[in-house]
C-alpha cells in the first residue's frame, strides 16, 4: 500500500498539535469513494510488554458479504504516550506497517477511533485517511468531545454530535438497546455515508464486523 503523505513522528505534544493544525484543512468530508466498494477494512491496536510494544491489526472483508479475505498484524516499539486527542501519533506508525502487508487494498477503512470528532478535527481516522489517501470512517466506542440529545433505543437511530455549534459526527445506535457508537467522517466520506456504511457493516454485534475482527486480531482474543 502506498503512503501518499509522510511527516516526522513527533516526540512532544506541542509537535503533535502543530502537525494536526497543519493537516486539518486537507481533510475532505465529501464523498470521494470508488464507484463500487468491494472491500472494507478495519484497523485496531493492542499493546504488549506493559505498553512498550504496539500490535496493529488490519482485517480486509468483502463487501457487502463481510467475509474475511485477508488479515495482517505488525509490531513496533511504542514511541508516543497515551494522551486522549493524540492517539494517532501512538497508533498509526504500527497501523501503516500492518497495511503495507496486505495485498488487497481496501476501498474503505473503518477505524476504532475518531475522525473529525476531535478538538482539532484530526482524529486517527482522518489522519490515517490523509496519509494513505483512502476513504476512512471514525467509529469510536467512547465520546471524546461534543454534546448530543438522547438517542432512541432502536437500531439505526442517531443524533447529531455537536461541538462549538458545528456538527462533527453522529451518535449512532448500531444495536437495539445497546450503547451507541460515535461516528464521524474520516477522510473522503460524508457523515451520511459514514452512518450508512457503519450500519451495513454491522450484523448482530455492537461493533461493525471490520472493527470487531480487527479488535480480536489486535488483542489476540
N, C-alpha and C. Protein backbone atom coordinates (compact mmCIF):
# COMPACT_ATOMS: atom_id res chain seq x y z
N UNK A 1 0.85 -1.20 0.00
CA UNK A 1 0.00 0.00 0.00
C UNK A 1 0.88 1.25 0.00
N UNK A 2 0.53 2.17 -0.82
CA UNK A 2 1.32 3.39 -0.95
C UNK A 2 0.94 4.40 0.12
N UNK A 3 1.94 5.02 0.72
CA UNK A 3 1.72 6.14 1.63
C UNK A 3 1.90 7.42 0.84
N UNK A 4 0.84 8.19 0.73
CA UNK A 4 0.85 9.37 -0.13
C UNK A 4 1.45 10.59 0.55
N UNK A 5 1.39 10.63 1.85
CA UNK A 5 1.90 11.79 2.56
C UNK A 5 2.62 11.31 3.81
N UNK A 6 3.77 11.84 4.08
CA UNK A 6 4.53 11.44 5.26
C UNK A 6 4.96 12.67 6.05
N UNK A 7 5.19 12.47 7.32
CA UNK A 7 5.75 13.52 8.16
C UNK A 7 6.54 12.84 9.27
N UNK A 8 7.40 13.59 9.90
CA UNK A 8 8.15 13.05 11.03
C UNK A 8 7.19 12.80 12.19
N UNK A 9 7.40 11.71 12.92
CA UNK A 9 6.54 11.42 14.07
C UNK A 9 7.06 12.17 15.28
N UNK A 10 6.19 12.93 15.93
CA UNK A 10 6.62 13.86 16.97
C UNK A 10 7.02 13.16 18.27
N UNK A 11 7.78 13.87 19.06
CA UNK A 11 8.17 13.40 20.39
C UNK A 11 7.44 14.14 21.50
N UNK A 12 6.82 15.28 21.17
CA UNK A 12 6.14 16.08 22.19
C UNK A 12 4.72 16.42 21.74
N UNK A 13 3.89 16.78 22.71
CA UNK A 13 2.52 17.20 22.41
C UNK A 13 2.53 18.45 21.53
N UNK A 14 3.43 19.37 21.79
CA UNK A 14 3.49 20.61 21.01
C UNK A 14 3.77 20.31 19.54
N UNK A 15 4.66 19.38 19.28
CA UNK A 15 4.94 18.98 17.90
C UNK A 15 3.73 18.30 17.27
N UNK A 16 3.03 17.49 18.05
CA UNK A 16 1.84 16.80 17.55
C UNK A 16 0.73 17.79 17.20
N UNK A 17 0.52 18.79 18.04
CA UNK A 17 -0.50 19.81 17.77
C UNK A 17 -0.17 20.54 16.48
N UNK A 18 1.09 20.86 16.27
CA UNK A 18 1.49 21.57 15.06
C UNK A 18 1.18 20.75 13.81
N UNK A 19 1.38 19.45 13.89
CA UNK A 19 1.06 18.58 12.75
C UNK A 19 -0.44 18.54 12.52
N UNK A 20 -1.22 18.41 13.58
CA UNK A 20 -2.68 18.38 13.44
C UNK A 20 -3.20 19.68 12.84
N UNK A 21 -2.69 20.79 13.29
CA UNK A 21 -3.13 22.08 12.76
C UNK A 21 -2.75 22.23 11.28
N UNK A 22 -1.63 21.69 10.90
CA UNK A 22 -1.18 21.78 9.51
C UNK A 22 -2.03 20.91 8.59
N UNK A 23 -2.42 19.72 9.06
CA UNK A 23 -3.10 18.75 8.21
C UNK A 23 -4.62 18.92 8.18
N UNK A 24 -5.20 19.54 9.17
CA UNK A 24 -6.65 19.53 9.33
C UNK A 24 -7.40 20.09 8.12
N UNK A 25 -6.84 21.10 7.47
CA UNK A 25 -7.53 21.72 6.35
C UNK A 25 -7.47 20.88 5.08
N UNK A 26 -6.70 19.81 5.09
CA UNK A 26 -6.62 18.93 3.93
C UNK A 26 -7.69 17.83 3.94
N UNK A 27 -8.36 17.69 5.07
CA UNK A 27 -9.37 16.63 5.19
C UNK A 27 -10.59 16.95 4.34
N UNK A 28 -11.06 15.95 3.60
CA UNK A 28 -12.24 16.07 2.74
C UNK A 28 -13.39 15.35 3.41
N UNK A 29 -14.48 16.05 3.65
CA UNK A 29 -15.65 15.44 4.28
C UNK A 29 -16.81 15.30 3.29
N UNK A 30 -16.47 15.20 2.02
CA UNK A 30 -17.45 14.88 0.97
C UNK A 30 -17.10 13.49 0.44
N UNK A 31 -18.08 12.87 -0.21
CA UNK A 31 -17.88 11.52 -0.71
C UNK A 31 -16.95 11.50 -1.91
N UNK A 32 -15.81 10.85 -1.73
CA UNK A 32 -14.84 10.63 -2.80
C UNK A 32 -14.45 9.15 -2.77
N UNK A 33 -15.46 8.30 -2.80
CA UNK A 33 -15.25 6.86 -2.75
C UNK A 33 -15.24 6.28 -4.15
N UNK A 34 -14.70 5.06 -4.30
CA UNK A 34 -14.83 4.37 -5.58
C UNK A 34 -16.30 4.17 -5.93
N UNK A 35 -16.59 4.06 -7.21
CA UNK A 35 -17.98 3.87 -7.64
C UNK A 35 -18.58 2.60 -7.05
N UNK A 36 -17.77 1.56 -6.94
CA UNK A 36 -18.20 0.31 -6.32
C UNK A 36 -17.24 -0.05 -5.20
N UNK A 37 -17.77 -0.20 -3.99
CA UNK A 37 -16.96 -0.63 -2.86
C UNK A 37 -17.00 -2.15 -2.78
N UNK A 38 -15.85 -2.78 -3.01
CA UNK A 38 -15.76 -4.24 -2.99
C UNK A 38 -15.13 -4.78 -1.72
N UNK A 39 -14.27 -3.96 -1.10
CA UNK A 39 -13.57 -4.40 0.10
C UNK A 39 -13.58 -3.29 1.16
N UNK A 40 -13.92 -3.68 2.37
CA UNK A 40 -13.86 -2.77 3.51
C UNK A 40 -12.87 -3.35 4.51
N UNK A 41 -12.26 -2.50 5.29
CA UNK A 41 -11.26 -2.97 6.25
C UNK A 41 -11.47 -2.32 7.60
N UNK A 42 -11.02 -3.03 8.61
CA UNK A 42 -10.98 -2.48 9.96
C UNK A 42 -9.56 -2.49 10.46
N UNK A 43 -9.17 -1.48 11.21
CA UNK A 43 -7.86 -1.45 11.85
C UNK A 43 -8.05 -1.22 13.34
N UNK A 44 -7.20 -1.85 14.12
CA UNK A 44 -7.28 -1.70 15.57
C UNK A 44 -5.90 -1.94 16.17
N UNK A 45 -5.77 -1.60 17.45
CA UNK A 45 -4.48 -1.68 18.12
C UNK A 45 -4.59 -2.45 19.42
N UNK A 46 -3.50 -3.14 19.73
CA UNK A 46 -3.29 -3.73 21.04
C UNK A 46 -1.88 -3.38 21.48
N UNK A 47 -1.59 -3.61 22.74
CA UNK A 47 -0.25 -3.29 23.25
C UNK A 47 0.25 -4.44 24.10
N UNK A 48 1.54 -4.68 24.01
CA UNK A 48 2.18 -5.75 24.75
C UNK A 48 3.35 -5.20 25.56
N UNK A 49 3.87 -6.07 26.45
CA UNK A 49 5.04 -5.70 27.26
C UNK A 49 4.83 -4.37 27.98
N UNK A 50 3.71 -4.30 28.73
CA UNK A 50 3.39 -3.09 29.51
C UNK A 50 3.30 -1.85 28.64
N UNK A 51 2.78 -2.02 27.41
CA UNK A 51 2.55 -0.89 26.53
C UNK A 51 3.75 -0.47 25.71
N UNK A 52 4.86 -1.14 25.85
CA UNK A 52 6.07 -0.73 25.13
C UNK A 52 6.10 -1.22 23.69
N UNK A 53 5.28 -2.23 23.39
CA UNK A 53 5.20 -2.77 22.04
C UNK A 53 3.79 -2.57 21.49
N UNK A 54 3.68 -1.96 20.33
CA UNK A 54 2.39 -1.75 19.66
C UNK A 54 2.11 -2.93 18.74
N UNK A 55 0.88 -3.40 18.80
CA UNK A 55 0.45 -4.51 17.94
C UNK A 55 -0.73 -4.03 17.11
N UNK A 56 -0.51 -3.80 15.83
CA UNK A 56 -1.56 -3.29 14.94
C UNK A 56 -2.13 -4.42 14.11
N UNK A 57 -3.43 -4.38 13.91
CA UNK A 57 -4.10 -5.41 13.11
C UNK A 57 -4.98 -4.77 12.06
N UNK A 58 -5.02 -5.39 10.90
CA UNK A 58 -5.94 -4.98 9.84
C UNK A 58 -6.67 -6.22 9.35
N UNK A 59 -7.96 -6.06 9.15
CA UNK A 59 -8.79 -7.13 8.60
C UNK A 59 -9.51 -6.58 7.37
N UNK A 60 -9.32 -7.23 6.24
CA UNK A 60 -9.98 -6.83 5.00
C UNK A 60 -11.14 -7.79 4.75
N UNK A 61 -12.32 -7.24 4.54
CA UNK A 61 -13.53 -8.03 4.33
C UNK A 61 -14.14 -7.72 2.98
N UNK A 62 -14.80 -8.70 2.41
CA UNK A 62 -15.57 -8.46 1.20
C UNK A 62 -16.77 -7.59 1.55
N UNK A 63 -17.27 -6.87 0.56
CA UNK A 63 -18.47 -6.04 0.77
C UNK A 63 -19.39 -6.19 -0.43
N UNK A 64 -20.67 -6.46 -0.16
CA UNK A 64 -21.36 -6.39 1.14
C UNK A 64 -21.39 -7.69 1.94
N UNK A 65 -20.71 -8.74 1.46
CA UNK A 65 -20.80 -10.03 2.13
C UNK A 65 -20.15 -10.11 3.49
N UNK A 66 -19.17 -9.25 3.76
CA UNK A 66 -18.47 -9.17 5.04
C UNK A 66 -17.78 -10.47 5.40
N UNK A 67 -17.17 -11.12 4.40
CA UNK A 67 -16.35 -12.29 4.64
C UNK A 67 -14.88 -11.87 4.70
N UNK A 68 -14.15 -12.40 5.65
CA UNK A 68 -12.73 -12.05 5.80
C UNK A 68 -11.95 -12.60 4.60
N UNK A 69 -11.22 -11.73 3.92
CA UNK A 69 -10.42 -12.16 2.77
C UNK A 69 -8.92 -12.03 3.02
N UNK A 70 -8.53 -11.21 4.00
CA UNK A 70 -7.11 -11.06 4.31
C UNK A 70 -6.95 -10.37 5.66
N UNK A 71 -5.92 -10.76 6.39
CA UNK A 71 -5.59 -10.10 7.65
C UNK A 71 -4.08 -9.90 7.73
N UNK A 72 -3.65 -8.97 8.56
CA UNK A 72 -2.22 -8.73 8.78
C UNK A 72 -2.03 -8.15 10.17
N UNK A 73 -0.89 -8.47 10.75
CA UNK A 73 -0.52 -7.95 12.07
C UNK A 73 0.91 -7.41 11.98
N UNK A 74 1.16 -6.31 12.66
CA UNK A 74 2.51 -5.73 12.67
C UNK A 74 2.84 -5.26 14.09
N UNK A 75 4.11 -5.34 14.42
CA UNK A 75 4.60 -4.93 15.73
C UNK A 75 5.68 -3.86 15.56
N UNK A 76 5.69 -2.94 16.50
CA UNK A 76 6.81 -1.99 16.55
C UNK A 76 6.84 -1.36 17.94
N UNK A 77 7.99 -0.83 18.36
CA UNK A 77 8.05 -0.18 19.67
C UNK A 77 7.11 1.01 19.74
N UNK A 78 6.49 1.19 20.88
CA UNK A 78 5.60 2.32 21.10
C UNK A 78 6.45 3.56 21.42
N UNK A 79 6.21 4.63 20.68
CA UNK A 79 7.09 5.80 20.83
C UNK A 79 6.36 7.05 21.32
N UNK A 80 5.04 6.99 21.49
CA UNK A 80 4.31 8.19 21.95
C UNK A 80 3.38 7.76 23.08
N UNK A 81 3.26 8.58 24.13
CA UNK A 81 2.43 8.18 25.29
C UNK A 81 0.94 8.20 24.98
N UNK A 82 0.17 7.56 25.85
CA UNK A 82 -1.29 7.57 25.73
C UNK A 82 -1.81 8.91 26.23
N UNK A 83 -2.30 9.73 25.29
CA UNK A 83 -2.89 11.03 25.63
C UNK A 83 -4.13 11.19 24.75
N UNK A 84 -5.33 11.28 25.35
CA UNK A 84 -6.53 11.49 24.53
C UNK A 84 -6.37 12.68 23.60
N UNK A 85 -6.79 12.50 22.35
CA UNK A 85 -6.66 13.54 21.35
C UNK A 85 -5.39 13.42 20.52
N UNK A 86 -4.51 12.48 20.92
CA UNK A 86 -3.24 12.31 20.20
C UNK A 86 -2.96 10.83 19.91
N UNK A 87 -4.02 10.03 19.88
CA UNK A 87 -3.82 8.58 19.71
C UNK A 87 -3.23 8.23 18.35
N UNK A 88 -3.47 9.06 17.35
CA UNK A 88 -2.94 8.72 16.03
C UNK A 88 -1.41 8.67 16.04
N UNK A 89 -0.78 9.49 16.86
CA UNK A 89 0.68 9.50 16.91
C UNK A 89 1.22 8.27 17.63
N UNK A 90 0.43 7.69 18.48
CA UNK A 90 0.80 6.47 19.19
C UNK A 90 0.54 5.22 18.34
N UNK A 91 -0.52 5.29 17.50
CA UNK A 91 -1.01 4.08 16.85
C UNK A 91 -0.72 3.98 15.36
N UNK A 92 -0.75 5.07 14.63
CA UNK A 92 -0.65 5.00 13.17
C UNK A 92 0.65 4.39 12.67
N UNK A 93 1.81 4.65 13.27
CA UNK A 93 3.02 4.03 12.72
C UNK A 93 2.91 2.51 12.58
N UNK A 94 2.39 1.83 13.59
CA UNK A 94 2.23 0.38 13.51
C UNK A 94 1.10 0.00 12.55
N UNK A 95 0.03 0.81 12.51
CA UNK A 95 -1.07 0.55 11.57
C UNK A 95 -0.57 0.60 10.13
N UNK A 96 0.27 1.57 9.83
CA UNK A 96 0.84 1.66 8.48
C UNK A 96 1.67 0.42 8.16
N UNK A 97 2.41 -0.09 9.13
CA UNK A 97 3.19 -1.31 8.92
C UNK A 97 2.26 -2.48 8.57
N UNK A 98 1.14 -2.59 9.27
CA UNK A 98 0.19 -3.68 9.00
C UNK A 98 -0.45 -3.52 7.63
N UNK A 99 -0.82 -2.29 7.28
CA UNK A 99 -1.45 -2.06 5.99
C UNK A 99 -0.50 -2.35 4.84
N UNK A 100 0.78 -2.12 5.04
CA UNK A 100 1.75 -2.40 3.98
C UNK A 100 1.84 -3.90 3.68
N UNK A 101 1.36 -4.73 4.60
CA UNK A 101 1.44 -6.17 4.41
C UNK A 101 0.29 -6.75 3.59
N UNK A 102 -0.83 -6.03 3.51
CA UNK A 102 -1.99 -6.60 2.82
C UNK A 102 -1.85 -6.41 1.31
N UNK A 103 -2.27 -7.42 0.57
CA UNK A 103 -2.20 -7.38 -0.88
C UNK A 103 -3.48 -6.79 -1.49
N UNK A 104 -4.59 -6.96 -0.78
CA UNK A 104 -5.87 -6.42 -1.25
C UNK A 104 -6.06 -5.03 -0.65
N UNK A 105 -6.06 -4.03 -1.47
CA UNK A 105 -6.20 -2.65 -0.99
C UNK A 105 -7.69 -2.36 -0.75
N UNK A 106 -8.07 -2.05 0.48
CA UNK A 106 -9.49 -1.79 0.75
C UNK A 106 -9.97 -0.49 0.10
N UNK A 107 -11.24 -0.46 -0.23
CA UNK A 107 -11.86 0.74 -0.78
C UNK A 107 -12.28 1.71 0.32
N UNK A 108 -12.41 1.19 1.54
CA UNK A 108 -12.90 1.97 2.66
C UNK A 108 -12.37 1.34 3.95
N UNK A 109 -11.92 2.17 4.89
CA UNK A 109 -11.41 1.68 6.16
C UNK A 109 -12.22 2.28 7.31
N UNK A 110 -12.66 1.42 8.22
CA UNK A 110 -13.33 1.84 9.44
C UNK A 110 -12.34 1.75 10.59
N UNK A 111 -12.16 2.85 11.30
CA UNK A 111 -11.18 2.91 12.38
C UNK A 111 -11.87 2.88 13.73
N UNK A 112 -11.25 2.21 14.68
CA UNK A 112 -11.72 2.23 16.06
C UNK A 112 -11.20 3.50 16.71
N UNK A 113 -11.86 4.60 16.43
CA UNK A 113 -11.43 5.90 16.94
C UNK A 113 -12.17 7.01 16.22
N UNK A 114 -11.74 8.23 16.46
CA UNK A 114 -12.44 9.40 15.93
C UNK A 114 -11.95 9.78 14.53
N UNK A 115 -12.85 10.40 13.77
CA UNK A 115 -12.48 11.06 12.54
C UNK A 115 -12.34 12.55 12.84
N UNK A 116 -13.27 13.37 12.34
CA UNK A 116 -13.20 14.80 12.64
C UNK A 116 -13.85 15.16 13.97
N UNK A 117 -14.40 14.17 14.69
CA UNK A 117 -14.96 14.43 16.02
C UNK A 117 -13.81 14.53 17.03
N UNK A 118 -13.06 15.59 16.89
CA UNK A 118 -11.77 15.75 17.55
C UNK A 118 -11.54 17.24 17.77
N UNK A 119 -10.88 17.64 18.85
CA UNK A 119 -10.71 19.08 19.12
C UNK A 119 -10.11 19.86 17.96
N UNK A 120 -9.20 19.24 17.22
CA UNK A 120 -8.59 19.92 16.07
C UNK A 120 -9.01 19.26 14.75
N UNK A 121 -10.10 18.50 14.81
CA UNK A 121 -10.73 17.87 13.63
C UNK A 121 -9.78 16.93 12.89
N UNK A 122 -8.89 16.29 13.65
CA UNK A 122 -7.96 15.35 13.03
C UNK A 122 -7.72 14.17 13.97
N UNK A 123 -8.78 13.36 14.14
CA UNK A 123 -8.62 12.13 14.88
C UNK A 123 -7.90 11.08 14.04
N UNK A 124 -7.74 9.89 14.59
CA UNK A 124 -6.94 8.86 13.94
C UNK A 124 -7.48 8.47 12.57
N UNK A 125 -8.82 8.43 12.41
CA UNK A 125 -9.38 8.04 11.11
C UNK A 125 -9.06 9.09 10.05
N UNK A 126 -9.19 10.35 10.40
CA UNK A 126 -8.87 11.42 9.45
C UNK A 126 -7.38 11.44 9.12
N UNK A 127 -6.57 11.32 10.14
CA UNK A 127 -5.11 11.35 9.98
C UNK A 127 -4.66 10.19 9.07
N UNK A 128 -5.15 8.99 9.36
CA UNK A 128 -4.77 7.82 8.55
C UNK A 128 -5.25 7.96 7.12
N UNK A 129 -6.49 8.37 6.93
CA UNK A 129 -7.03 8.51 5.59
C UNK A 129 -6.24 9.48 4.75
N UNK A 130 -5.79 10.55 5.36
CA UNK A 130 -5.00 11.55 4.64
C UNK A 130 -3.64 10.99 4.23
N UNK A 131 -3.00 10.23 5.12
CA UNK A 131 -1.67 9.70 4.82
C UNK A 131 -1.69 8.67 3.69
N UNK A 132 -2.76 7.86 3.63
CA UNK A 132 -2.80 6.79 2.62
C UNK A 132 -3.77 7.09 1.48
N UNK A 133 -4.48 8.21 1.57
CA UNK A 133 -5.43 8.63 0.54
C UNK A 133 -6.46 7.55 0.23
N UNK A 134 -7.03 7.00 1.29
CA UNK A 134 -8.12 6.03 1.20
C UNK A 134 -9.27 6.54 2.05
N UNK A 135 -10.51 6.40 1.59
CA UNK A 135 -11.65 6.85 2.39
C UNK A 135 -11.68 6.14 3.76
N UNK A 136 -11.93 6.92 4.81
CA UNK A 136 -11.95 6.37 6.16
C UNK A 136 -13.14 6.91 6.94
N UNK A 137 -13.53 6.12 7.93
CA UNK A 137 -14.63 6.47 8.84
C UNK A 137 -14.15 6.27 10.26
N UNK A 138 -14.48 7.21 11.12
CA UNK A 138 -14.23 7.04 12.55
C UNK A 138 -15.45 6.41 13.20
N UNK A 139 -15.24 5.28 13.88
CA UNK A 139 -16.33 4.59 14.59
C UNK A 139 -15.81 4.29 16.00
N UNK A 140 -15.97 5.24 16.89
CA UNK A 140 -15.37 5.15 18.22
C UNK A 140 -16.37 4.58 19.24
N UNK A 141 -15.82 3.89 20.23
CA UNK A 141 -16.67 3.31 21.26
C UNK A 141 -16.99 4.30 22.37
N UNK A 142 -16.22 5.39 22.46
CA UNK A 142 -16.44 6.35 23.54
C UNK A 142 -16.40 7.78 23.00
N UNK A 143 -16.97 8.67 23.76
CA UNK A 143 -17.05 10.08 23.38
C UNK A 143 -15.75 10.80 23.71
N UNK A 144 -15.25 11.59 22.77
CA UNK A 144 -14.09 12.44 23.02
C UNK A 144 -14.52 13.86 23.29
N UNK A 145 -15.28 14.45 22.37
CA UNK A 145 -15.80 15.81 22.54
C UNK A 145 -17.21 15.87 21.98
N UNK A 146 -17.93 16.92 22.34
CA UNK A 146 -19.25 17.17 21.76
C UNK A 146 -20.40 16.82 22.69
N UNK A 147 -21.57 17.34 22.32
CA UNK A 147 -22.80 17.07 23.06
C UNK A 147 -23.87 16.59 22.09
N UNK A 148 -24.86 15.86 22.64
CA UNK A 148 -25.91 15.31 21.79
C UNK A 148 -27.16 15.04 22.61
N UNK A 149 -28.28 14.97 21.92
CA UNK A 149 -29.54 14.63 22.55
C UNK A 149 -29.62 13.11 22.72
N UNK A 150 -30.53 12.68 23.57
CA UNK A 150 -30.70 11.24 23.81
C UNK A 150 -31.06 10.51 22.53
N UNK A 151 -30.41 9.37 22.32
CA UNK A 151 -30.62 8.59 21.10
C UNK A 151 -31.69 7.53 21.36
N UNK A 152 -32.73 7.43 20.51
CA UNK A 152 -33.72 6.36 20.68
C UNK A 152 -33.05 4.98 20.72
N UNK A 153 -33.72 4.03 21.36
CA UNK A 153 -33.11 2.73 21.63
C UNK A 153 -33.03 1.81 20.41
N UNK A 154 -33.74 2.12 19.35
CA UNK A 154 -33.81 1.18 18.22
C UNK A 154 -32.60 1.31 17.30
N UNK A 155 -32.17 0.18 16.74
CA UNK A 155 -31.03 0.14 15.83
C UNK A 155 -31.25 1.09 14.66
N UNK A 156 -30.24 1.84 14.30
CA UNK A 156 -30.31 2.79 13.20
C UNK A 156 -30.66 4.20 13.63
N UNK A 157 -31.10 4.37 14.89
CA UNK A 157 -31.40 5.71 15.39
C UNK A 157 -30.10 6.46 15.67
N UNK A 158 -30.14 7.77 15.45
CA UNK A 158 -28.94 8.55 15.73
C UNK A 158 -29.29 9.99 16.03
N UNK A 159 -28.34 10.68 16.65
CA UNK A 159 -28.46 12.10 16.93
C UNK A 159 -27.17 12.80 16.51
N UNK A 160 -27.26 14.05 16.05
CA UNK A 160 -26.04 14.78 15.69
C UNK A 160 -25.14 14.99 16.91
N UNK A 161 -23.85 14.92 16.68
CA UNK A 161 -22.85 15.23 17.69
C UNK A 161 -22.35 16.65 17.40
N UNK A 162 -22.54 17.54 18.37
CA UNK A 162 -22.30 18.97 18.14
C UNK A 162 -21.13 19.44 19.01
N UNK A 163 -20.25 20.24 18.40
CA UNK A 163 -19.14 20.84 19.15
C UNK A 163 -18.93 22.26 18.64
N UNK A 164 -19.06 23.22 19.51
CA UNK A 164 -18.89 24.63 19.17
C UNK A 164 -19.79 25.03 18.00
N UNK A 165 -21.03 24.56 18.04
CA UNK A 165 -22.01 24.91 17.02
C UNK A 165 -21.88 24.17 15.71
N UNK A 166 -20.95 23.23 15.62
CA UNK A 166 -20.70 22.50 14.38
C UNK A 166 -21.06 21.03 14.56
N UNK A 167 -21.72 20.45 13.57
CA UNK A 167 -21.99 19.01 13.59
C UNK A 167 -20.72 18.29 13.18
N UNK A 168 -20.14 17.55 14.13
CA UNK A 168 -18.87 16.88 13.87
C UNK A 168 -19.02 15.36 13.74
N UNK A 169 -20.24 14.87 13.95
CA UNK A 169 -20.44 13.43 13.85
C UNK A 169 -21.85 13.05 14.22
N UNK A 170 -22.04 11.77 14.49
CA UNK A 170 -23.34 11.25 14.86
C UNK A 170 -23.17 10.22 15.96
N UNK A 171 -24.12 10.20 16.87
CA UNK A 171 -24.16 9.17 17.91
C UNK A 171 -25.18 8.15 17.44
N UNK A 172 -24.70 6.99 17.06
CA UNK A 172 -25.47 6.01 16.29
C UNK A 172 -25.72 4.74 17.10
N UNK A 173 -26.98 4.33 17.14
CA UNK A 173 -27.35 3.08 17.80
C UNK A 173 -27.21 1.95 16.77
N UNK A 174 -26.18 1.14 16.93
CA UNK A 174 -25.93 0.06 15.97
C UNK A 174 -26.63 -1.24 16.34
N UNK A 175 -27.17 -1.28 17.55
CA UNK A 175 -27.92 -2.45 18.01
C UNK A 175 -28.95 -1.98 19.02
N UNK A 176 -30.16 -2.46 18.91
CA UNK A 176 -31.24 -2.03 19.78
C UNK A 176 -30.91 -2.30 21.25
N UNK A 177 -31.04 -1.26 22.06
CA UNK A 177 -30.85 -1.40 23.49
C UNK A 177 -29.41 -1.48 23.94
N UNK A 178 -28.46 -1.24 23.04
CA UNK A 178 -27.03 -1.32 23.36
C UNK A 178 -26.41 0.07 23.22
N UNK A 179 -25.35 0.34 23.97
CA UNK A 179 -24.70 1.64 23.92
C UNK A 179 -24.33 2.03 22.49
N UNK A 180 -24.49 3.30 22.13
CA UNK A 180 -24.22 3.73 20.76
C UNK A 180 -22.73 3.83 20.46
N UNK A 181 -22.43 4.02 19.17
CA UNK A 181 -21.08 4.35 18.72
C UNK A 181 -21.04 5.81 18.30
N UNK A 182 -19.84 6.35 18.24
CA UNK A 182 -19.64 7.75 17.88
C UNK A 182 -18.99 7.79 16.50
N UNK A 183 -19.79 8.15 15.51
CA UNK A 183 -19.40 8.07 14.10
C UNK A 183 -19.03 9.45 13.59
N UNK A 184 -17.95 9.52 12.82
CA UNK A 184 -17.61 10.78 12.17
C UNK A 184 -16.88 10.53 10.87
N UNK A 185 -16.95 11.50 9.99
CA UNK A 185 -16.18 11.43 8.75
C UNK A 185 -14.71 11.33 9.09
N UNK A 186 -14.02 10.46 8.37
CA UNK A 186 -12.57 10.40 8.49
C UNK A 186 -11.95 11.25 7.41
N UNK A 187 -11.93 10.69 6.20
CA UNK A 187 -11.41 11.41 5.04
C UNK A 187 -12.12 10.85 3.80
N UNK A 188 -12.57 11.76 2.95
CA UNK A 188 -13.22 11.40 1.68
C UNK A 188 -14.55 10.66 1.87
N UNK A 189 -15.20 10.89 3.01
CA UNK A 189 -16.50 10.28 3.29
C UNK A 189 -17.37 11.31 4.02
N UNK A 190 -18.61 11.48 3.57
CA UNK A 190 -19.54 12.37 4.25
C UNK A 190 -20.12 11.67 5.48
N UNK A 191 -20.71 12.45 6.37
CA UNK A 191 -21.29 11.86 7.57
C UNK A 191 -22.43 10.91 7.23
N UNK A 192 -23.30 11.30 6.31
CA UNK A 192 -24.42 10.43 5.94
C UNK A 192 -23.92 9.09 5.40
N UNK A 193 -22.90 9.13 4.58
CA UNK A 193 -22.34 7.91 4.02
C UNK A 193 -21.64 7.09 5.10
N UNK A 194 -20.98 7.77 6.02
CA UNK A 194 -20.32 7.07 7.13
C UNK A 194 -21.34 6.29 7.95
N UNK A 195 -22.46 6.91 8.28
CA UNK A 195 -23.52 6.23 9.03
C UNK A 195 -24.02 5.02 8.25
N UNK A 196 -24.25 5.20 6.96
CA UNK A 196 -24.77 4.12 6.12
C UNK A 196 -23.82 2.93 6.11
N UNK A 197 -22.53 3.17 5.91
CA UNK A 197 -21.58 2.06 5.84
C UNK A 197 -21.38 1.38 7.19
N UNK A 198 -21.38 2.15 8.26
CA UNK A 198 -21.27 1.53 9.58
C UNK A 198 -22.43 0.57 9.81
N UNK A 199 -23.64 0.99 9.48
CA UNK A 199 -24.80 0.12 9.66
C UNK A 199 -24.73 -1.10 8.74
N UNK A 200 -24.27 -0.91 7.52
CA UNK A 200 -24.19 -2.02 6.58
C UNK A 200 -23.08 -3.00 6.93
N UNK A 201 -22.12 -2.54 7.73
CA UNK A 201 -21.04 -3.42 8.18
C UNK A 201 -21.32 -4.04 9.55
N UNK A 202 -22.45 -3.69 10.14
CA UNK A 202 -22.80 -4.20 11.46
C UNK A 202 -23.85 -5.29 11.32
N UNK A 203 -23.61 -6.43 11.92
CA UNK A 203 -24.55 -7.55 11.84
C UNK A 203 -25.29 -7.69 13.17
N UNK A 204 -24.85 -8.61 14.02
CA UNK A 204 -25.58 -8.84 15.27
C UNK A 204 -24.87 -8.31 16.51
N UNK A 205 -23.74 -7.63 16.31
CA UNK A 205 -23.00 -7.09 17.44
C UNK A 205 -23.05 -5.57 17.45
N UNK A 206 -22.53 -4.97 18.52
CA UNK A 206 -22.48 -3.51 18.61
C UNK A 206 -21.49 -2.94 17.61
N UNK A 207 -20.36 -3.60 17.44
CA UNK A 207 -19.30 -3.09 16.57
C UNK A 207 -19.48 -3.58 15.14
N UNK A 208 -19.09 -2.77 14.16
CA UNK A 208 -19.04 -3.27 12.78
C UNK A 208 -18.12 -4.49 12.71
N UNK A 209 -18.41 -5.39 11.78
CA UNK A 209 -17.59 -6.60 11.66
C UNK A 209 -16.12 -6.25 11.40
N UNK A 210 -15.88 -5.20 10.64
CA UNK A 210 -14.50 -4.77 10.37
C UNK A 210 -13.75 -4.52 11.67
N UNK A 211 -14.34 -3.71 12.54
CA UNK A 211 -13.72 -3.35 13.81
C UNK A 211 -13.65 -4.55 14.74
N UNK A 212 -14.73 -5.31 14.80
CA UNK A 212 -14.78 -6.46 15.73
C UNK A 212 -13.68 -7.47 15.42
N UNK A 213 -13.49 -7.76 14.15
CA UNK A 213 -12.48 -8.75 13.77
C UNK A 213 -11.07 -8.20 13.98
N UNK A 214 -10.86 -6.94 13.61
CA UNK A 214 -9.55 -6.32 13.82
C UNK A 214 -9.22 -6.25 15.31
N UNK A 215 -10.23 -5.98 16.13
CA UNK A 215 -10.03 -5.92 17.58
C UNK A 215 -9.56 -7.27 18.12
N UNK A 216 -10.17 -8.34 17.65
CA UNK A 216 -9.75 -9.68 18.09
C UNK A 216 -8.31 -9.96 17.68
N UNK A 217 -7.95 -9.59 16.47
CA UNK A 217 -6.57 -9.81 16.00
C UNK A 217 -5.58 -8.99 16.81
N UNK A 218 -5.96 -7.77 17.11
CA UNK A 218 -5.03 -6.87 17.82
C UNK A 218 -4.82 -7.28 19.27
N UNK A 219 -5.83 -7.92 19.86
CA UNK A 219 -5.74 -8.29 21.27
C UNK A 219 -5.52 -9.78 21.46
N UNK A 220 -5.45 -10.52 20.35
CA UNK A 220 -5.18 -11.97 20.39
C UNK A 220 -6.23 -12.71 21.20
N UNK A 221 -7.50 -12.28 21.05
CA UNK A 221 -8.57 -12.98 21.77
C UNK A 221 -9.24 -13.99 20.84
